[in-house]
Amino acid sequence: MQTLLEDLIIDRVDLCDEGANSAAFIELYKRKETSRMDVQEILKQMTPEHAKVIQEAIDNLNSSLEVEKNKVTDLTSERDKLSTELTETKKSLDETEKALEEAKEEHKPHPDDCTCPECTAKREAAEKDKKSSGNASFDQTETFKSMPKEVQEYLSVIKQQKEAAEEELRKSREEAAEAEAIAKASELKALPVDKEKLASVIKSSNPEMIEMLETINGAIEGTVLNEVGKTASNNSSSANDAWEKIDKKAADLASSENITKAKAVSRVIEENPDLYREYLEGGAN
């Protein structure tokens, strides 16, 4: 059975590698308490030379700390000043925005059929001026100058946005017209005109002119293909078979896509070069 021993007075402790009772737990306390020494007491116990070096280091450190403390104070003061200025600027901005909104609301145009006294008086004055001076021109510049500065700035921004939107719309329409003209020029392959020049002509042409170009292109394609058909009838059976395949594919294509036979034959030849080569090697020229 374990025994707890308390309030023992030990006058000697022998140290060894391993005690007789390895399971024992011993707590030792010092009876005499030591007082905490401060820096000055430590310096007094040093030699004068060492104490002087340590004291100088402490003084330098205190001086550096004082400088940094002053910097922090200055930065804090500057921060407080900037914060105050920011608050005042924000307040001024809010007041300006409020004044602008009030000015916009004050100068907001009334409906044409407004019956308020001011609008009624304006309409009567306008009618009177029109009768007395005939076709008097509206001086837009003078009217704009008579408006408050905030309203002038607002209208200027609206005008710039409108002009930018109109420019973007113009560019978009030009690009669409360019793409449409190039696509149409690609369809008119039989015309002996450079593709870019033909696209430029198409852009400036009316629908009647474009229809005429399509008719000329179809006539050229039809003439060429008719000559090919006539030559094919005099060729060998291999050429005849190849042409029959081309003609059948063209008929199916013309029926499914609702295009002319001449255009269909041209597309079949482009999409089936081997079949067209077979037709040529069979004796066609």
C-alpha atoms as a PDB file:
ATOM      1  CA  MET A   1       0.000   0.000   0.000  1.00  0.00           C
ATOM      2  CA  GLN A   2       1.388   3.418  -0.997  1.00  0.00           C
ATOM      3  CA  THR A   3       2.055   6.031   1.654  1.00  0.00           C
ATOM      4  CA  LEU A   4       1.943   9.799   1.122  1.00  0.00           C
ATOM      5  CA  LEU A   5       4.607  11.600   3.136  1.00  0.00           C
ATOM      6  CA  GLU A   6       4.147  15.311   3.789  1.00  0.00           C
ATOM      7  CA  ASP A   7       6.086  18.087   5.569  1.00  0.00           C
ATOM      8  CA  LEU A   8       9.390  16.224   5.552  1.00  0.00           C
ATOM      9  CA  ILE A   9      12.555  18.081   6.393  1.00  0.00           C
ATOM     10  CA  ILE A  10      15.336  16.812   4.154  1.00  0.00           C
ATOM     11  CA  ASP A  11      18.855  17.942   4.896  1.00  0.00           C
ATOM     12  CA  ARG A  12      20.562  15.895   2.223  1.00  0.00           C
ATOM     13  CA  VAL A  13      19.764  14.359  -1.169  1.00  0.00           C
ATOM     14  CA  ASP A  14      21.992  11.729  -2.730  1.00  0.00           C
ATOM     15  CA  LEU A  15      21.850  11.463  -6.499  1.00  0.00           C
ATOM     16  CA  CYS A  16      22.195   8.136  -8.259  1.00  0.00           C
ATOM     17  CA  ASP A  17      21.415   6.629 -11.673  1.00  0.00           C
ATOM     18  CA  GLU A  18      18.364   4.779 -10.460  1.00  0.00           C
ATOM     19  CA  GLY A  19      16.583   5.001  -7.099  1.00  0.00           C
ATOM     20  CA  ALA A  20      15.503   2.056  -5.011  1.00  0.00           C
ATOM     21  CA  ASN A  21      11.861   2.913  -5.484  1.00  0.00           C
ATOM     22  CA  SER A  22      11.414   3.777  -9.174  1.00  0.00           C
ATOM     23  CA  ALA A  23       7.647   4.286  -8.711  1.00  0.00           C
ATOM     24  CA  ALA A  24       8.056   7.055  -6.138  1.00  0.00           C
ATOM     25  CA  PHE A  25       7.196  10.692  -7.086  1.00  0.00           C
ATOM     26  CA  ILE A  26       8.942  13.402  -5.089  1.00  0.00           C
ATOM     27  CA  GLU A  27       8.194  17.149  -5.183  1.00  0.00           C
ATOM     28  CA  LEU A  28      10.804  19.509  -3.722  1.00  0.00           C
ATOM     29  CA  TYR A  29      10.214  23.161  -2.801  1.00  0.00           C
ATOM     30  CA  LYS A  30      12.687  25.885  -1.911  1.00  0.00           C
ATOM     31  CA  ARG A  31      11.925  27.562   1.349  1.00  0.00           C
ATOM     32  CA  LYS A  32      13.722  30.799   0.569  1.00  0.00           C
ATOM     33  CA  GLU A  33      12.143  33.035  -2.109  1.00  0.00           C
ATOM     34  CA  THR A  34      14.452  35.074  -4.367  1.00  0.00           C
ATOM     35  CA  SER A  35      13.515  38.675  -5.220  1.00  0.00           C
ATOM     36  CA  ARG A  36      13.313  39.789  -8.881  1.00  0.00           C
ATOM     37  CA  MET A  37      16.223  41.965  -9.951  1.00  0.00           C
ATOM     38  CA  ASP A  38      15.770  45.017 -12.176  1.00  0.00           C
ATOM     39  CA  VAL A  39      18.198  46.401 -14.736  1.00  0.00           C
ATOM     40  CA  GLN A  40      19.817  48.872 -12.406  1.00  0.00           C
ATOM     41  CA  GLU A  41      20.605  46.168  -9.847  1.00  0.00           C
ATOM     42  CA  ILE A  42      22.120  44.021 -12.601  1.00  0.00           C
ATOM     43  CA  LEU A  43      24.250  46.949 -13.778  1.00  0.00           C
ATOM     44  CA  LYS A  44      25.501  47.551 -10.224  1.00  0.00           C
ATOM     45  CA  GLN A  45      26.801  43.986 -10.071  1.00  0.00           C
ATOM     46  CA  MET A  46      28.790  44.440 -13.315  1.00  0.00           C
ATOM     47  CA  THR A  47      32.137  45.987 -13.749  1.00  0.00           C
ATOM     48  CA  PRO A  48      32.039  49.702 -14.607  1.00  0.00           C
ATOM     49  CA  GLU A  49      33.300  49.030 -18.134  1.00  0.00           C
ATOM     50  CA  HIS A  50      30.616  46.416 -18.867  1.00  0.00           C
ATOM     51  CA  ALA A  51      27.903  48.466 -17.197  1.00  0.00           C
ATOM     52  CA  LYS A  52      28.812  51.496 -19.366  1.00  0.00           C
ATOM     53  CA  VAL A  53      28.511  49.479 -22.621  1.00  0.00           C
ATOM     54  CA  ILE A  54      25.171  47.992 -21.575  1.00  0.00           C
ATOM     55  CA  GLN A  55      23.847  51.406 -20.454  1.00  0.00           C
ATOM     56  CA  GLU A  56      24.818  52.991 -23.806  1.00  0.00           C
ATOM     57  CA  ALA A  57      23.051  50.193 -25.676  1.00  0.00           C
ATOM     58  CA  ILE A  58      19.939  50.712 -23.537  1.00  0.00           C
ATOM     59  CA  ASP A  59      20.054  54.483 -24.140  1.00  0.00           C
ATOM     60  CA  ASN A  60      20.406  53.982 -27.900  1.00  0.00           C
ATOM     61  CA  LEU A  61      17.509  51.557 -27.880  1.00  0.00           C
ATOM     62  CA  ASN A  62      15.351  53.985 -25.919  1.00  0.00           C
ATOM     63  CA  SER A  63      16.279  56.767 -28.345  1.00  0.00           C
ATOM     64  CA  SER A  64      15.328  54.590 -31.323  1.00  0.00           C
ATOM     65  CA  LEU A  65      12.069  53.664 -29.662  1.00  0.00           C
ATOM     66  CA  GLU A  66      11.311  57.331 -29.058  1.00  0.00           C
ATOM     67  CA  VAL A  67      11.959  58.149 -32.740  1.00  0.00           C
ATOM     68  CA  GLU A  68       9.696  55.318 -33.869  1.00  0.00           C
ATOM     69  CA  LYS A  69       7.069  56.417 -31.395  1.00  0.00           C
ATOM     70  CA  ASN A  70       7.164  59.929 -32.873  1.00  0.00           C
ATOM     71  CA  LYS A  71       6.805  58.476 -36.378  1.00  0.00           C
ATOM     72  CA  VAL A  72       3.807  56.454 -35.301  1.00  0.00           C
ATOM     73  CA  THR A  73       2.307  59.579 -33.748  1.00  0.00           C
ATOM     74  CA  ASP A  74       2.859  61.556 -36.955  1.00  0.00           C
ATOM     75  CA  LEU A  75       1.365  58.761 -39.079  1.00  0.00           C
ATOM     76  CA  THR A  76      -1.633  58.538 -36.774  1.00  0.00           C
ATOM     77  CA  SER A  77      -2.137  62.286 -37.030  1.00  0.00           C
ATOM     78  CA  GLU A  78      -1.832  62.161 -40.824  1.00  0.00           C
ATOM     79  CA  ARG A  79      -4.270  59.251 -40.988  1.00  0.00           C
ATOM     80  CA  ASP A  80      -6.791  61.155 -38.869  1.00  0.00           C
ATOM     81  CA  LYS A  81      -6.384  64.193 -41.115  1.00  0.00           C
ATOM     82  CA  LEU A  82      -6.902  62.160 -44.289  1.00  0.00           C
ATOM     83  CA  SER A  83      -9.893  60.429 -42.746  1.00  0.00           C
ATOM     84  CA  THR A  84     -11.436  63.816 -41.940  1.00  0.00           C
ATOM     85  CA  GLU A  85     -10.780  65.083 -45.463  1.00  0.00           C
ATOM     86  CA  LEU A  86     -12.251  61.910 -46.945  1.00  0.00           C
ATOM     87  CA  THR A  87     -15.389  62.310 -44.843  1.00  0.00           C
ATOM     88  CA  GLU A  88     -15.759  65.934 -45.915  1.00  0.00           C
ATOM     89  CA  THR A  89     -15.165  65.032 -49.591  1.00  0.00           C
ATOM     90  CA  LYS A  90     -17.737  62.255 -49.443  1.00  0.00           C
ATOM     91  CA  LYS A  91     -20.223  64.630 -47.842  1.00  0.00           C
ATOM     92  CA  SER A  92     -19.566  67.227 -50.554  1.00  0.00           C
ATOM     93  CA  LEU A  93     -19.965  64.551 -53.262  1.00  0.00           C
ATOM     94  CA  ASP A  94     -23.265  63.417 -51.788  1.00  0.00           C
ATOM     95  CA  GLU A  95     -24.499  67.017 -51.724  1.00  0.00           C
ATOM     96  CA  THR A  96     -23.428  67.503 -55.356  1.00  0.00           C
ATOM     97  CA  GLU A  97     -25.194  64.320 -56.465  1.00  0.00           C
ATOM     98  CA  LYS A  98     -28.304  65.378 -54.589  1.00  0.00           C
ATOM     99  CA  ALA A  99     -28.213  68.803 -56.262  1.00  0.00           C
ATOM    100  CA  LEU A 100     -27.768  67.176 -59.672  1.00  0.00           C
ATOM    101  CA  GLU A 101     -30.746  64.886 -59.104  1.00  0.00           C
ATOM    102  CA  GLU A 102     -32.836  67.857 -58.023  1.00  0.00           C
ATOM    103  CA  ALA A 103     -31.728  69.782 -61.101  1.00  0.00           C
ATOM    104  CA  LYS A 104     -32.590  66.837 -63.362  1.00  0.00           C
ATOM    105  CA  GLU A 105     -35.988  66.508 -61.732  1.00  0.00           C
ATOM    106  CA  GLU A 106     -36.573  70.235 -61.963  1.00  0.00           C
ATOM    107  CA  HIS A 107     -35.689  70.346 -65.663  1.00  0.00           C
ATOM    108  CA  LYS A 108     -37.327  67.046 -66.553  1.00  0.00           C
ATOM    109  CA  PRO A 109     -39.377  67.688 -69.708  1.00  0.00           C
ATOM    110  CA  HIS A 110     -43.141  67.628 -69.276  1.00  0.00           C
ATOM    111  CA  PRO A 111     -45.342  65.556 -71.623  1.00  0.00           C
ATOM    112  CA  ASP A 112     -46.517  67.266 -74.783  1.00  0.00           C
ATOM    113  CA  ASP A 113     -50.106  67.256 -73.533  1.00  0.00           C
ATOM    114  CA  CYS A 114     -49.238  68.615 -70.059  1.00  0.00           C
ATOM    115  CA  THR A 115     -51.893  71.057 -68.828  1.00  0.00           C
ATOM    116  CA  CYS A 116     -49.941  72.696 -66.032  1.00  0.00           C
ATOM    117  CA  PRO A 117     -49.932  76.536 -66.068  1.00  0.00           C
ATOM    118  CA  GLU A 118     -46.271  76.712 -67.061  1.00  0.00           C
ATOM    119  CA  CYS A 119     -46.634  74.374 -70.063  1.00  0.00           C
ATOM    120  CA  THR A 120     -49.875  76.054 -71.117  1.00  0.00           C
ATOM    121  CA  ALA A 121     -48.207  79.450 -71.005  1.00  0.00           C
ATOM    122  CA  LYS A 122     -45.232  78.149 -73.025  1.00  0.00           C
ATOM    123  CA  ARG A 123     -47.496  76.710 -75.717  1.00  0.00           C
ATOM    124  CA  GLU A 124     -49.460  79.943 -75.958  1.00  0.00           C
ATOM    125  CA  ALA A 125     -46.255  81.974 -76.178  1.00  0.00           C
ATOM    126  CA  ALA A 126     -44.900  79.621 -78.867  1.00  0.00           C
ATOM    127  CA  GLU A 127     -48.057  79.930 -80.904  1.00  0.00           C
ATOM    128  CA  LYS A 128     -47.937  83.689 -80.543  1.00  0.00           C
ATOM    129  CA  ASP A 129     -44.293  83.853 -81.621  1.00  0.00           C
ATOM    130  CA  LYS A 130     -44.996  81.564 -84.559  1.00  0.00           C
ATOM    131  CA  LYS A 131     -47.820  83.781 -85.771  1.00  0.00           C
ATOM    132  CA  SER A 132     -45.854  86.984 -85.306  1.00  0.00           C
ATOM    133  CA  SER A 133     -42.524  85.868 -86.750  1.00  0.00           C
ATOM    134  CA  GLY A 134     -43.528  83.094 -89.169  1.00  0.00           C
ATOM    135  CA  ASN A 135     -41.086  80.196 -89.313  1.00  0.00           C
ATOM    136  CA  ALA A 136     -38.847  81.265 -86.436  1.00  0.00           C
ATOM    137  CA  SER A 137     -35.885  78.911 -86.030  1.00  0.00           C
ATOM    138  CA  PHE A 138     -35.226  77.221 -82.701  1.00  0.00           C
ATOM    139  CA  ASP A 139     -31.861  78.280 -81.294  1.00  0.00           C
ATOM    140  CA  GLN A 140     -30.685  75.029 -79.754  1.00  0.00           C
ATOM    141  CA  THR A 141     -27.278  76.424 -78.767  1.00  0.00           C
ATOM    142  CA  GLU A 142     -28.693  79.293 -76.756  1.00  0.00           C
ATOM    143  CA  THR A 143     -31.192  76.999 -75.054  1.00  0.00           C
ATOM    144  CA  PHE A 144     -28.395  74.589 -74.087  1.00  0.00           C
ATOM    145  CA  LYS A 145     -26.304  77.440 -72.666  1.00  0.00           C
ATOM    146  CA  SER A 146     -29.208  78.637 -70.548  1.00  0.00           C
ATOM    147  CA  MET A 147     -29.455  75.293 -68.745  1.00  0.00           C
ATOM    148  CA  PRO A 148     -27.661  74.618 -65.407  1.00  0.00           C
ATOM    149  CA  LYS A 149     -24.103  73.298 -65.637  1.00  0.00           C
ATOM    150  CA  GLU A 150     -25.072  69.925 -64.179  1.00  0.00           C
ATOM    151  CA  VAL A 151     -27.771  69.452 -66.820  1.00  0.00           C
ATOM    152  CA  GLN A 152     -25.365  70.480 -69.591  1.00  0.00           C
ATOM    153  CA  GLU A 153     -22.837  67.875 -68.421  1.00  0.00           C
ATOM    154  CA  TYR A 154     -25.545  65.212 -68.203  1.00  0.00           C
ATOM    155  CA  LEU A 155     -26.821  65.978 -71.723  1.00  0.00           C
ATOM    156  CA  SER A 156     -23.260  65.972 -73.077  1.00  0.00           C
ATOM    157  CA  VAL A 157     -22.680  62.476 -71.686  1.00  0.00           C
ATOM    158  CA  ILE A 158     -25.982  61.263 -73.187  1.00  0.00           C
ATOM    159  CA  LYS A 159     -24.994  62.763 -76.563  1.00  0.00           C
ATOM    160  CA  GLN A 160     -21.584  61.044 -76.511  1.00  0.00           C
ATOM    161  CA  GLN A 161     -23.172  57.697 -75.647  1.00  0.00           C
ATOM    162  CA  LYS A 162     -25.705  58.135 -78.485  1.00  0.00           C
ATOM    163  CA  GLU A 163     -22.963  58.970 -81.010  1.00  0.00           C
ATOM    164  CA  ALA A 164     -20.876  55.962 -79.876  1.00  0.00           C
ATOM    165  CA  ALA A 165     -23.891  53.637 -80.226  1.00  0.00           C
ATOM    166  CA  GLU A 166     -24.671  55.007 -83.693  1.00  0.00           C
ATOM    167  CA  GLU A 167     -21.036  54.474 -84.753  1.00  0.00           C
ATOM    168  CA  GLU A 168     -21.089  50.868 -83.518  1.00  0.00           C
ATOM    169  CA  LEU A 169     -24.363  50.272 -85.388  1.00  0.00           C
ATOM    170  CA  ARG A 170     -22.897  51.774 -88.573  1.00  0.00           C
ATOM    171  CA  LYS A 171     -19.811  49.530 -88.358  1.00  0.00           C
ATOM    172  CA  SER A 172     -21.964  46.486 -87.695  1.00  0.00           C
ATOM    173  CA  ARG A 173     -24.130  47.227 -90.731  1.00  0.00           C
ATOM    174  CA  GLU A 174     -21.067  47.763 -92.930  1.00  0.00           C
ATOM    175  CA  GLU A 175     -19.548  44.453 -91.796  1.00  0.00           C
ATOM    176  CA  ALA A 176     -22.842  42.642 -92.454  1.00  0.00           C
ATOM    177  CA  ALA A 177     -23.113  44.195 -95.928  1.00  0.00           C
ATOM    178  CA  GLU A 178     -19.492  43.255 -96.674  1.00  0.00           C
ATOM    179  CA  ALA A 179     -20.051  39.648 -95.595  1.00  0.00           C
ATOM    180  CA  GLU A 180     -23.269  39.394 -97.611  1.00  0.00           C
ATOM    181  CA  ALA A 181     -21.554  40.819-100.721  1.00  0.00           C
ATOM    182  CA  ILE A 182     -18.628  38.367-100.420  1.00  0.00           C
ATOM    183  CA  ALA A 183     -21.043  35.452 -99.997  1.00  0.00           C
ATOM    184  CA  LYS A 184     -23.012  36.533-103.090  1.00  0.00           C
ATOM    185  CA  ALA A 185     -19.795  36.986-105.114  1.00  0.00           C
ATOM    186  CA  SER A 186     -18.763  33.435-104.152  1.00  0.00           C
ATOM    187  CA  GLU A 187     -22.042  32.146-105.623  1.00  0.00           C
ATOM    188  CA  LEU A 188     -21.460  33.911-108.959  1.00  0.00           C
ATOM    189  CA  LYS A 189     -18.424  31.808-109.879  1.00  0.00           C
ATOM    190  CA  ALA A 190     -19.039  31.798-113.620  1.00  0.00           C
ATOM    191  CA  LEU A 191     -18.631  35.579-113.965  1.00  0.00           C
ATOM    192  CA  PRO A 192     -15.095  36.420-115.202  1.00  0.00           C
ATOM    193  CA  VAL A 193     -14.554  39.088-112.523  1.00  0.00           C
ATOM    194  CA  ASP A 194     -12.213  39.161-109.527  1.00  0.00           C
ATOM    195  CA  LYS A 195     -14.051  38.121-106.359  1.00  0.00           C
ATOM    196  CA  GLU A 196     -13.159  41.286-104.407  1.00  0.00           C
ATOM    197  CA  LYS A 197     -14.156  43.588-107.282  1.00  0.00           C
ATOM    198  CA  LEU A 198     -17.388  41.676-107.760  1.00  0.00           C
ATOM    199  CA  ALA A 199     -18.161  41.983-104.023  1.00  0.00           C
ATOM    200  CA  SER A 200     -17.555  45.758-104.217  1.00  0.00           C
ATOM    201  CA  VAL A 201     -19.950  46.009-107.193  1.00  0.00           C
ATOM    202  CA  ILE A 202     -22.598  43.956-105.367  1.00  0.00           C
ATOM    203  CA  LYS A 203     -22.402  46.218-102.282  1.00  0.00           C
ATOM    204  CA  SER A 204     -23.332  49.284-104.355  1.00  0.00           C
ATOM    205  CA  SER A 205     -25.933  47.504-106.535  1.00  0.00           C
ATOM    206  CA  ASN A 206     -29.691  47.473-106.139  1.00  0.00           C
ATOM    207  CA  PRO A 207     -31.719  44.209-106.091  1.00  0.00           C
ATOM    208  CA  GLU A 208     -32.482  44.464-109.843  1.00  0.00           C
ATOM    209  CA  MET A 209     -28.766  44.659-110.697  1.00  0.00           C
ATOM    210  CA  ILE A 210     -27.950  41.663-108.461  1.00  0.00           C
ATOM    211  CA  GLU A 211     -30.748  39.659-110.094  1.00  0.00           C
ATOM    212  CA  MET A 212     -29.309  40.495-113.516  1.00  0.00           C
ATOM    213  CA  LEU A 213     -25.848  39.322-112.428  1.00  0.00           C
ATOM    214  CA  GLU A 214     -27.364  36.053-111.196  1.00  0.00           C
ATOM    215  CA  THR A 215     -29.095  35.598-114.572  1.00  0.00           C
ATOM    216  CA  ILE A 216     -25.838  36.206-116.475  1.00  0.00           C
ATOM    217  CA  ASN A 217     -23.991  33.777-114.195  1.00  0.00           C
ATOM    218  CA  GLY A 218     -26.667  31.102-114.764  1.00  0.00           C
ATOM    219  CA  ALA A 219     -26.558  31.626-118.515  1.00  0.00           C
ATOM    220  CA  ILE A 220     -22.775  31.213-118.567  1.00  0.00           C
ATOM    221  CA  GLU A 221     -22.930  28.064-116.467  1.00  0.00           C
ATOM    222  CA  GLY A 222     -25.770  26.646-118.606  1.00  0.00           C
ATOM    223  CA  THR A 223     -23.878  27.263-121.843  1.00  0.00           C
ATOM    224  CA  VAL A 224     -20.712  25.607-120.600  1.00  0.00           C
ATOM    225  CA  LEU A 225     -22.542  22.597-119.191  1.00  0.00           C
ATOM    226  CA  ASN A 226     -24.645  22.159-122.358  1.00  0.00           C
ATOM    227  CA  GLU A 227     -21.432  21.971-124.368  1.00  0.00           C
ATOM    228  CA  VAL A 228     -20.126  19.400-121.946  1.00  0.00           C
ATOM    229  CA  GLY A 229     -23.357  17.382-122.343  1.00  0.00           C
ATOM    230  CA  LYS A 230     -23.138  17.456-126.118  1.00  0.00           C
ATOM    231  CA  THR A 231     -19.544  16.253-126.055  1.00  0.00           C
ATOM    232  CA  ALA A 232     -20.427  13.504-123.597  1.00  0.00           C
ATOM    233  CA  SER A 233     -22.931  11.962-126.011  1.00  0.00           C
ATOM    234  CA  ASN A 234     -20.087  11.213-128.461  1.00  0.00           C
ATOM    235  CA  ASN A 235     -17.738   9.697-125.906  1.00  0.00           C
ATOM    236  CA  SER A 236     -17.261   6.151-124.762  1.00  0.00           C
ATOM    237  CA  SER A 237     -19.661   4.255-122.514  1.00  0.00           C
ATOM    238  CA  SER A 238     -17.422   4.981-119.482  1.00  0.00           C
ATOM    239  CA  ALA A 239     -17.799   8.706-119.974  1.00  0.00           C
ATOM    240  CA  ASN A 240     -21.529   8.268-120.522  1.00  0.00           C
ATOM    241  CA  ASP A 241     -21.903   6.356-117.277  1.00  0.00           C
ATOM    242  CA  ALA A 242     -19.945   8.991-115.349  1.00  0.00           C
ATOM    243  CA  TRP A 243     -22.037  11.776-116.826  1.00  0.00           C
ATOM    244  CA  GLU A 244     -25.266   9.937-116.019  1.00  0.00           C
ATOM    245  CA  LYS A 245     -24.171   9.738-112.382  1.00  0.00           C
ATOM    246  CA  ILE A 246     -23.323  13.440-112.372  1.00  0.00           C
ATOM    247  CA  ASP A 247     -26.635  14.292-113.992  1.00  0.00           C
ATOM    248  CA  LYS A 248     -28.604  12.154-111.512  1.00  0.00           C
ATOM    249  CA  LYS A 249     -26.856  13.695-108.483  1.00  0.00           C
ATOM    250  CA  ALA A 250     -27.460  17.161-109.919  1.00  0.00           C
ATOM    251  CA  ALA A 251     -31.162  16.435-110.435  1.00  0.00           C
ATOM    252  CA  ASP A 252     -31.515  15.228-106.836  1.00  0.00           C
ATOM    253  CA  LEU A 253     -29.617  18.247-105.516  1.00  0.00           C
ATOM    254  CA  ALA A 254     -31.667  20.728-107.584  1.00  0.00           C
ATOM    255  CA  SER A 255     -34.885  19.129-106.342  1.00  0.00           C
ATOM    256  CA  SER A 256     -33.872  19.021-102.662  1.00  0.00           C
ATOM    257  CA  GLU A 257     -32.390  22.540-102.442  1.00  0.00           C
ATOM    258  CA  ASN A 258     -34.618  24.235-105.043  1.00  0.00           C
ATOM    259  CA  ILE A 259     -31.769  25.530-107.223  1.00  0.00           C
ATOM    260  CA  THR A 260     -31.208  25.538-110.990  1.00  0.00           C
ATOM    261  CA  LYS A 261     -29.920  22.446-112.726  1.00  0.00           C
ATOM    262  CA  ALA A 262     -26.835  24.300-113.896  1.00  0.00           C
ATOM    263  CA  LYS A 263     -25.876  25.292-110.338  1.00  0.00           C
ATOM    264  CA  ALA A 264     -26.561  21.755-109.145  1.00  0.00           C
ATOM    265  CA  VAL A 265     -24.257  20.236-111.793  1.00  0.00           C
ATOM    266  CA  SER A 266     -21.513  22.709-110.894  1.00  0.00           C
ATOM    267  CA  ARG A 267     -21.744  21.752-107.202  1.00  0.00           C
ATOM    268  CA  VAL A 268     -21.780  18.011-107.949  1.00  0.00           C
ATOM    269  CA  ILE A 269     -18.600  18.364-110.011  1.00  0.00           C
ATOM    270  CA  GLU A 270     -16.922  20.308-107.185  1.00  0.00           C
ATOM    271  CA  GLU A 271     -17.986  17.775-104.541  1.00  0.00           C
ATOM    272  CA  ASN A 272     -17.149  14.688-106.694  1.00  0.00           C
ATOM    273  CA  PRO A 273     -13.831  15.376-108.441  1.00  0.00           C
ATOM    274  CA  ASP A 274     -13.132  11.654-108.937  1.00  0.00           C
ATOM    275  CA  LEU A 275     -16.388  11.171-110.834  1.00  0.00           C
ATOM    276  CA  TYR A 276     -15.672  14.180-113.023  1.00  0.00           C
ATOM    277  CA  ARG A 277     -12.148  12.848-113.682  1.00  0.00           C
ATOM    278  CA  GLU A 278     -13.665   9.530-114.743  1.00  0.00           C
ATOM    279  CA  TYR A 279     -15.912  11.384-117.124  1.00  0.00           C
ATOM    280  CA  LEU A 280     -12.932  13.238-118.670  1.00  0.00           C
ATOM    281  CA  GLU A 281     -10.764  10.109-118.930  1.00  0.00           C
ATOM    282  CA  GLY A 282     -13.607   8.294-120.712  1.00  0.00           C
ATOM    283  CA  GLY A 283     -13.101  10.471-123.748  1.00  0.00           C
ATOM    284  CA  ALA A 284     -14.711  13.780-122.841  1.00  0.00           C
ATOM    285  CA  ASN A 285     -12.803  16.945-123.609  1.00  0.00           C
END
